[in-house]
Structures are given as structure tokens and as C-alpha cells.
Amino acid sequence: MLEFIGITSFILLVAISPGADFAIIVRNSILYSRTTALFTALGIGGSLVAHTTYSLMGLALLISKSIFIFCILKYLGAMYLCYLGIKSIFSKESEDTISEIDHKKKLLKWQAFQQGFLCNLLNPKAPLFFISFYSVVIPTESDQLVKLLYGIESIVLITLWFVLLSVIISQKLVKEFFSKSKQFINKALGSAMLFFGVKLAFTSNE
């Protein structure tokens, strides 16, 4: 029981830690609709499924040890985050009301899902996280079924966190509060994603 509580606490701490995923959820929640934010969260969840799958197959260690693969992921992830950041910084948002914004199809569902998926998938720190998760946090003597169940738990908890975050921030009152500074928030979140992108470019695989 203590093992379960400890691992669950670790997963929750990782989930709520501010990062690129957090920034993109907040951005899409404020600038677009709740549906857009939810599909972004589901995209992150889809990426976690991929991370868990290759980690259980032992590929996470291979990725972390291969400088070539690590660098490809690192620079692709950095370029994607910088692209999203620059796009946000230089976007020209109109002064629409919240209801008008919500009814405009500015981002299709598959595009929102893709943003969340790629934002998480192209993070080279993910393989390092899953290596530590399966070799340090989870007892090494645990069998594959136990590791799979904990992997599923991590997918569900982290995805639910971003779903909850999407629901809270996309509340009408919250969006109306932020809409007064929509331009500033868009540029601030864009700057945050640009920062994470640049930081990612200088990430070491050690």
C-alpha cells in the first residue's frame, strides 16, 4: 500500500510540474474553446501511451544512450516548441468576446490533439523520466504486469490532470478575466514555450 501511495504521489508531482505541456494547455484553454483544450490534453495522453509502450519494450534506455536519437528528438522538440512560441508571440488576436471566440473554429480537434501529442512526444526528457520511473521509483523486482499497471496509472493520472486543468481554465468566468489581457497572455505563454524550446535545445542526455 505504501508503495502504491509513493508511486502515485510521484506521478502527481510530475503531472503538476510546470512545463511545455502545462503552457500549451493553458494557452489553448484561454485562446480557444474547452473542446480544443480537452483534445490537447488527450493528445498528451496519447503521447504518454507511446512513451509507456516503448519503455516497457526497453527502448527508453536505448534512446537515452543513443546520442544521435536523443539529439534528433531534442532538436525536433525544440524547433516545434519554438515554432508554437513564435506563432503565439506574433499572432494578432482580435478583441472578440469570449462567446465569439468559442464559436470560431480557429483550431480543429485533430490539430489540438496533434499539438498536445507532439509537444509531449518530442520531449527527449520523457525517456529519461520513464527510465527512472521503471528502474528507480518502481521496485526493480516488479514483474511486467505490475509495471504495465503503474504505466497505465501514470497515463490516466497525468491525462486527468490536464483534462481538469482544461476544464478549470476554460470556465467562462476565468476566460473573461483573462480576456482583458488576452494579447499579453498569448505573448507571455508564447514566450514560455519559446523558453522551453531553447532550454530543450541545450538539454543533456546525462
C-alpha atoms as a PDB file:
ATOM      1  CA  MET A   1       0.000   0.000   0.000  1.00  0.00           C
ATOM      2  CA  LEU A   2       2.827   2.385   0.889  1.00  0.00           C
ATOM      3  CA  GLU A   3       4.480   1.571  -2.430  1.00  0.00           C
ATOM      4  CA  PHE A   4       1.288   2.474  -4.299  1.00  0.00           C
ATOM      5  CA  ILE A   5       0.898   5.757  -2.386  1.00  0.00           C
ATOM      6  CA  GLY A   6       4.533   6.675  -3.004  1.00  0.00           C
ATOM      7  CA  ILE A   7       4.388   5.959  -6.736  1.00  0.00           C
ATOM      8  CA  THR A   8       1.043   7.750  -7.101  1.00  0.00           C
ATOM      9  CA  SER A   9       2.440  10.799  -5.279  1.00  0.00           C
ATOM     10  CA  PHE A  10       5.457  10.794  -7.587  1.00  0.00           C
ATOM     11  CA  ILE A  11       3.220  10.680 -10.675  1.00  0.00           C
ATOM     12  CA  LEU A  12       1.060  13.542  -9.394  1.00  0.00           C
ATOM     13  CA  LEU A  13       4.114  15.695  -8.629  1.00  0.00           C
ATOM     14  CA  VAL A  14       5.403  15.120 -12.156  1.00  0.00           C
ATOM     15  CA  ALA A  15       1.967  15.921 -13.601  1.00  0.00           C
ATOM     16  CA  ILE A  16       1.550  19.288 -11.865  1.00  0.00           C
ATOM     17  CA  SER A  17       5.115  20.455 -12.503  1.00  0.00           C
ATOM     18  CA  PRO A  18       5.041  23.469 -14.869  1.00  0.00           C
ATOM     19  CA  GLY A  19       6.445  22.738 -18.306  1.00  0.00           C
ATOM     20  CA  ALA A  20       5.710  22.919 -22.015  1.00  0.00           C
ATOM     21  CA  ASP A  21       2.622  20.685 -21.668  1.00  0.00           C
ATOM     22  CA  PHE A  22       1.258  22.965 -18.951  1.00  0.00           C
ATOM     23  CA  ALA A  23       1.886  26.064 -21.075  1.00  0.00           C
ATOM     24  CA  ILE A  24       0.157  24.679 -24.168  1.00  0.00           C
ATOM     25  CA  ILE A  25      -2.892  23.557 -22.160  1.00  0.00           C
ATOM     26  CA  VAL A  26      -3.236  26.986 -20.537  1.00  0.00           C
ATOM     27  CA  ARG A  27      -2.776  28.707 -23.900  1.00  0.00           C
ATOM     28  CA  ASN A  28      -5.370  26.606 -25.722  1.00  0.00           C
ATOM     29  CA  SER A  29      -7.808  26.849 -22.811  1.00  0.00           C
ATOM     30  CA  ILE A  30      -7.705  30.644 -22.818  1.00  0.00           C
ATOM     31  CA  LEU A  31      -7.417  31.359 -26.535  1.00  0.00           C
ATOM     32  CA  TYR A  32      -9.718  28.660 -27.859  1.00  0.00           C
ATOM     33  CA  SER A  33     -12.589  26.542 -26.584  1.00  0.00           C
ATOM     34  CA  ARG A  34     -12.802  23.948 -23.830  1.00  0.00           C
ATOM     35  CA  THR A  35     -13.101  21.266 -26.514  1.00  0.00           C
ATOM     36  CA  THR A  36      -9.821  22.424 -28.050  1.00  0.00           C
ATOM     37  CA  ALA A  37      -8.080  22.268 -24.674  1.00  0.00           C
ATOM     38  CA  LEU A  38      -9.521  18.817 -23.931  1.00  0.00           C
ATOM     39  CA  PHE A  39      -8.287  17.428 -27.248  1.00  0.00           C
ATOM     40  CA  THR A  40      -4.870  18.919 -26.487  1.00  0.00           C
ATOM     41  CA  ALA A  41      -4.929  17.064 -23.157  1.00  0.00           C
ATOM     42  CA  LEU A  42      -5.934  13.848 -24.938  1.00  0.00           C
ATOM     43  CA  GLY A  43      -3.009  14.364 -27.304  1.00  0.00           C
ATOM     44  CA  ILE A  44      -0.669  14.469 -24.323  1.00  0.00           C
ATOM     45  CA  GLY A  45      -2.311  11.280 -23.065  1.00  0.00           C
ATOM     46  CA  GLY A  46      -1.774   9.638 -26.452  1.00  0.00           C
ATOM     47  CA  SER A  47       1.900  10.518 -26.307  1.00  0.00           C
ATOM     48  CA  LEU A  48       2.157   9.018 -22.818  1.00  0.00           C
ATOM     49  CA  VAL A  49       0.780   5.758 -24.222  1.00  0.00           C
ATOM     50  CA  ALA A  50       3.616   5.771 -26.768  1.00  0.00           C
ATOM     51  CA  HIS A  51       6.234   6.544 -24.096  1.00  0.00           C
ATOM     52  CA  THR A  52       4.930   3.785 -21.823  1.00  0.00           C
ATOM     53  CA  THR A  53       4.841   1.253 -24.656  1.00  0.00           C
ATOM     54  CA  TYR A  54       8.416   1.735 -25.837  1.00  0.00           C
ATOM     55  CA  SER A  55       9.658   1.959 -22.235  1.00  0.00           C
ATOM     56  CA  LEU A  56       8.172  -1.435 -21.375  1.00  0.00           C
ATOM     57  CA  MET A  57       9.851  -2.784 -24.514  1.00  0.00           C
ATOM     58  CA  GLY A  58      13.189  -1.498 -23.241  1.00  0.00           C
ATOM     59  CA  LEU A  59      13.581   1.158 -25.937  1.00  0.00           C
ATOM     60  CA  ALA A  60      13.703   4.095 -23.496  1.00  0.00           C
ATOM     61  CA  LEU A  61      17.172   3.032 -22.357  1.00  0.00           C
ATOM     62  CA  LEU A  62      18.286   2.726 -25.991  1.00  0.00           C
ATOM     63  CA  ILE A  63      17.028   6.235 -26.776  1.00  0.00           C
ATOM     64  CA  SER A  64      18.744   7.732 -23.728  1.00  0.00           C
ATOM     65  CA  LYS A  65      22.050   6.014 -24.562  1.00  0.00           C
ATOM     66  CA  SER A  66      21.984   6.925 -28.264  1.00  0.00           C
ATOM     67  CA  ILE A  67      23.322  10.452 -28.688  1.00  0.00           C
ATOM     68  CA  PHE A  68      22.062  10.501 -32.290  1.00  0.00           C
ATOM     69  CA  ILE A  69      18.449   9.577 -31.438  1.00  0.00           C
ATOM     70  CA  PHE A  70      18.476  11.825 -28.374  1.00  0.00           C
ATOM     71  CA  CYS A  71      19.693  14.798 -30.426  1.00  0.00           C
ATOM     72  CA  ILE A  72      17.094  14.219 -33.143  1.00  0.00           C
ATOM     73  CA  LEU A  73      14.308  14.222 -30.542  1.00  0.00           C
ATOM     74  CA  LYS A  74      15.846  17.172 -28.742  1.00  0.00           C
ATOM     75  CA  TYR A  75      16.118  19.434 -31.777  1.00  0.00           C
ATOM     76  CA  LEU A  76      12.779  18.408 -33.274  1.00  0.00           C
ATOM     77  CA  GLY A  77      11.110  19.107 -29.926  1.00  0.00           C
ATOM     78  CA  ALA A  78      12.963  22.399 -29.523  1.00  0.00           C
ATOM     79  CA  MET A  79      12.026  23.555 -33.036  1.00  0.00           C
ATOM     80  CA  TYR A  80       8.378  22.602 -32.529  1.00  0.00           C
ATOM     81  CA  LEU A  81       8.115  24.465 -29.213  1.00  0.00           C
ATOM     82  CA  CYS A  82       9.903  27.488 -30.667  1.00  0.00           C
ATOM     83  CA  TYR A  83       7.534  27.408 -33.647  1.00  0.00           C
ATOM     84  CA  LEU A  84       4.473  27.402 -31.356  1.00  0.00           C
ATOM     85  CA  GLY A  85       6.032  30.093 -29.179  1.00  0.00           C
ATOM     86  CA  ILE A  86       6.907  32.435 -32.050  1.00  0.00           C
ATOM     87  CA  LYS A  87       3.491  31.837 -33.616  1.00  0.00           C
ATOM     88  CA  SER A  88       1.828  32.921 -30.350  1.00  0.00           C
ATOM     89  CA  ILE A  89       4.080  35.923 -29.813  1.00  0.00           C
ATOM     90  CA  PHE A  90       3.453  37.372 -33.276  1.00  0.00           C
ATOM     91  CA  SER A  91      -0.201  36.388 -33.631  1.00  0.00           C
ATOM     92  CA  LYS A  92      -2.719  39.214 -33.914  1.00  0.00           C
ATOM     93  CA  GLU A  93      -5.750  38.305 -31.826  1.00  0.00           C
ATOM     94  CA  SER A  94      -8.890  40.366 -32.316  1.00  0.00           C
ATOM     95  CA  GLU A  95     -10.767  41.796 -29.377  1.00  0.00           C
ATOM     96  CA  ASP A  96     -13.688  39.377 -29.614  1.00  0.00           C
ATOM     97  CA  THR A  97     -15.851  38.476 -26.660  1.00  0.00           C
ATOM     98  CA  ILE A  98     -15.472  35.070 -25.053  1.00  0.00           C
ATOM     99  CA  SER A  99     -18.636  33.746 -26.671  1.00  0.00           C
ATOM    100  CA  GLU A 100     -17.432  34.895 -30.092  1.00  0.00           C
ATOM    101  CA  ILE A 101     -14.053  33.256 -29.563  1.00  0.00           C
ATOM    102  CA  ASP A 102     -15.645  29.957 -28.516  1.00  0.00           C
ATOM    103  CA  HIS A 103     -17.752  29.788 -31.667  1.00  0.00           C
ATOM    104  CA  LYS A 104     -14.864  30.398 -34.041  1.00  0.00           C
ATOM    105  CA  LYS A 105     -13.153  27.274 -35.355  1.00  0.00           C
ATOM    106  CA  LYS A 106      -9.604  28.526 -35.025  1.00  0.00           C
ATOM    107  CA  LEU A 107      -8.105  25.145 -34.227  1.00  0.00           C
ATOM    108  CA  LEU A 108      -9.546  21.846 -35.411  1.00  0.00           C
ATOM    109  CA  LYS A 109      -9.825  18.937 -32.989  1.00  0.00           C
ATOM    110  CA  TRP A 110      -7.138  16.913 -34.738  1.00  0.00           C
ATOM    111  CA  GLN A 111      -4.839  19.940 -34.725  1.00  0.00           C
ATOM    112  CA  ALA A 112      -5.344  20.383 -30.982  1.00  0.00           C
ATOM    113  CA  PHE A 113      -4.669  16.669 -30.426  1.00  0.00           C
ATOM    114  CA  GLN A 114      -1.578  16.909 -32.622  1.00  0.00           C
ATOM    115  CA  GLN A 115      -0.233  19.865 -30.658  1.00  0.00           C
ATOM    116  CA  GLY A 116      -0.541  18.028 -27.349  1.00  0.00           C
ATOM    117  CA  PHE A 117       0.819  14.787 -28.812  1.00  0.00           C
ATOM    118  CA  LEU A 118       3.894  16.311 -30.455  1.00  0.00           C
ATOM    119  CA  CYS A 119       4.617  18.675 -27.572  1.00  0.00           C
ATOM    120  CA  ASN A 120       4.939  15.704 -25.212  1.00  0.00           C
ATOM    121  CA  LEU A 121       6.311  13.105 -27.639  1.00  0.00           C
ATOM    122  CA  LEU A 122       9.233  15.228 -28.854  1.00  0.00           C
ATOM    123  CA  ASN A 123      10.454  15.923 -25.335  1.00  0.00           C
ATOM    124  CA  PRO A 124      13.735  13.965 -25.005  1.00  0.00           C
ATOM    125  CA  LYS A 125      13.421  14.163 -21.229  1.00  0.00           C
ATOM    126  CA  ALA A 126      10.484  11.766 -21.417  1.00  0.00           C
ATOM    127  CA  PRO A 127      12.630   8.655 -21.999  1.00  0.00           C
ATOM    128  CA  LEU A 128      14.823   9.716 -19.068  1.00  0.00           C
ATOM    129  CA  PHE A 129      11.732  10.099 -16.892  1.00  0.00           C
ATOM    130  CA  PHE A 130      10.397   6.675 -17.802  1.00  0.00           C
ATOM    131  CA  ILE A 131      13.796   5.058 -17.213  1.00  0.00           C
ATOM    132  CA  SER A 132      13.882   6.472 -13.683  1.00  0.00           C
ATOM    133  CA  PHE A 133      10.199   5.627 -13.243  1.00  0.00           C
ATOM    134  CA  TYR A 134      10.645   1.962 -14.131  1.00  0.00           C
ATOM    135  CA  SER A 135      14.096   1.429 -12.612  1.00  0.00           C
ATOM    136  CA  VAL A 136      14.131   3.650  -9.524  1.00  0.00           C
ATOM    137  CA  VAL A 137      10.583   4.561  -8.489  1.00  0.00           C
ATOM    138  CA  ILE A 138       9.078   1.139  -9.211  1.00  0.00           C
ATOM    139  CA  PRO A 139      10.922  -1.702  -7.425  1.00  0.00           C
ATOM    140  CA  THR A 140      13.239  -3.484  -9.872  1.00  0.00           C
ATOM    141  CA  GLU A 141      11.904  -6.889  -8.829  1.00  0.00           C
ATOM    142  CA  SER A 142       8.381  -5.988 -10.004  1.00  0.00           C
ATOM    143  CA  ASP A 143       7.138  -8.093 -12.916  1.00  0.00           C
ATOM    144  CA  GLN A 144       5.988  -6.707 -16.266  1.00  0.00           C
ATOM    145  CA  LEU A 145       2.296  -6.785 -15.328  1.00  0.00           C
ATOM    146  CA  VAL A 146       2.901  -4.568 -12.297  1.00  0.00           C
ATOM    147  CA  LYS A 147       4.985  -2.186 -14.410  1.00  0.00           C
ATOM    148  CA  LEU A 148       2.239  -2.117 -17.033  1.00  0.00           C
ATOM    149  CA  LEU A 149      -0.400  -1.290 -14.399  1.00  0.00           C
ATOM    150  CA  TYR A 150       1.724   1.531 -12.998  1.00  0.00           C
ATOM    151  CA  GLY A 151       2.286   2.743 -16.551  1.00  0.00           C
ATOM    152  CA  ILE A 152      -1.462   2.825 -17.135  1.00  0.00           C
ATOM    153  CA  GLU A 153      -1.881   4.663 -13.833  1.00  0.00           C
ATOM    154  CA  SER A 154       0.635   7.312 -14.912  1.00  0.00           C
ATOM    155  CA  ILE A 155      -1.154   7.768 -18.253  1.00  0.00           C
ATOM    156  CA  VAL A 156      -4.565   8.115 -16.593  1.00  0.00           C
ATOM    157  CA  LEU A 157      -3.471  10.439 -13.762  1.00  0.00           C
ATOM    158  CA  ILE A 158      -1.401  12.794 -15.913  1.00  0.00           C
ATOM    159  CA  THR A 159      -4.087  12.956 -18.607  1.00  0.00           C
ATOM    160  CA  LEU A 160      -6.789  13.581 -15.992  1.00  0.00           C
ATOM    161  CA  TRP A 161      -4.700  16.393 -14.521  1.00  0.00           C
ATOM    162  CA  PHE A 162      -4.523  18.163 -17.877  1.00  0.00           C
ATOM    163  CA  VAL A 163      -8.216  17.493 -18.513  1.00  0.00           C
ATOM    164  CA  LEU A 164      -9.023  19.043 -15.121  1.00  0.00           C
ATOM    165  CA  LEU A 165      -6.740  21.982 -15.881  1.00  0.00           C
ATOM    166  CA  SER A 166      -8.503  22.456 -19.224  1.00  0.00           C
ATOM    167  CA  VAL A 167     -11.939  22.440 -17.589  1.00  0.00           C
ATOM    168  CA  ILE A 168     -10.936  24.904 -14.859  1.00  0.00           C
ATOM    169  CA  ILE A 169      -9.167  27.436 -17.086  1.00  0.00           C
ATOM    170  CA  SER A 170     -11.820  27.262 -19.816  1.00  0.00           C
ATOM    171  CA  GLN A 171     -14.550  28.264 -17.337  1.00  0.00           C
ATOM    172  CA  LYS A 172     -16.361  31.336 -18.636  1.00  0.00           C
ATOM    173  CA  LEU A 173     -15.508  33.494 -15.607  1.00  0.00           C
ATOM    174  CA  VAL A 174     -11.838  32.547 -15.800  1.00  0.00           C
ATOM    175  CA  LYS A 175     -11.676  33.205 -19.543  1.00  0.00           C
ATOM    176  CA  GLU A 176     -13.459  36.543 -19.151  1.00  0.00           C
ATOM    177  CA  PHE A 177     -10.916  37.533 -16.510  1.00  0.00           C
ATOM    178  CA  PHE A 178      -8.003  36.638 -18.769  1.00  0.00           C
ATOM    179  CA  SER A 179      -9.634  38.039 -21.924  1.00  0.00           C
ATOM    180  CA  LYS A 180      -8.905  41.559 -20.690  1.00  0.00           C
ATOM    181  CA  SER A 181      -5.216  40.788 -21.156  1.00  0.00           C
ATOM    182  CA  LYS A 182      -5.567  38.267 -23.984  1.00  0.00           C
ATOM    183  CA  GLN A 183      -2.806  39.781 -26.109  1.00  0.00           C
ATOM    184  CA  PHE A 184      -0.392  39.888 -23.179  1.00  0.00           C
ATOM    185  CA  ILE A 185      -1.226  36.334 -22.071  1.00  0.00           C
ATOM    186  CA  ASN A 186      -0.824  34.998 -25.601  1.00  0.00           C
ATOM    187  CA  LYS A 187       2.617  36.580 -25.867  1.00  0.00           C
ATOM    188  CA  ALA A 188       3.568  35.520 -22.326  1.00  0.00           C
ATOM    189  CA  LEU A 189       2.625  31.883 -22.939  1.00  0.00           C
ATOM    190  CA  GLY A 190       4.312  32.053 -26.339  1.00  0.00           C
ATOM    191  CA  SER A 191       7.451  33.331 -24.624  1.00  0.00           C
ATOM    192  CA  ALA A 192       7.201  30.471 -22.122  1.00  0.00           C
ATOM    193  CA  MET A 193       7.027  27.892 -24.925  1.00  0.00           C
ATOM    194  CA  LEU A 194       9.912  29.618 -26.696  1.00  0.00           C
ATOM    195  CA  PHE A 195      11.890  29.465 -23.436  1.00  0.00           C
ATOM    196  CA  PHE A 196      11.152  25.756 -23.014  1.00  0.00           C
ATOM    197  CA  GLY A 197      12.162  25.200 -26.642  1.00  0.00           C
ATOM    198  CA  VAL A 198      15.518  26.964 -26.226  1.00  0.00           C
ATOM    199  CA  LYS A 199      16.087  25.221 -22.895  1.00  0.00           C
ATOM    200  CA  LEU A 200      15.317  21.887 -24.539  1.00  0.00           C
ATOM    201  CA  ALA A 201      17.891  22.554 -27.261  1.00  0.00           C
ATOM    202  CA  PHE A 202      20.595  22.718 -24.596  1.00  0.00           C
ATOM    203  CA  THR A 203      19.388  19.655 -22.684  1.00  0.00           C
ATOM    204  CA  SER A 204      21.976  16.987 -21.965  1.00  0.00           C
ATOM    205  CA  ASN A 205      21.195  13.271 -22.085  1.00  0.00           C
ATOM    206  CA  GLU A 206      23.093  12.724 -18.860  1.00  0.00           C
END
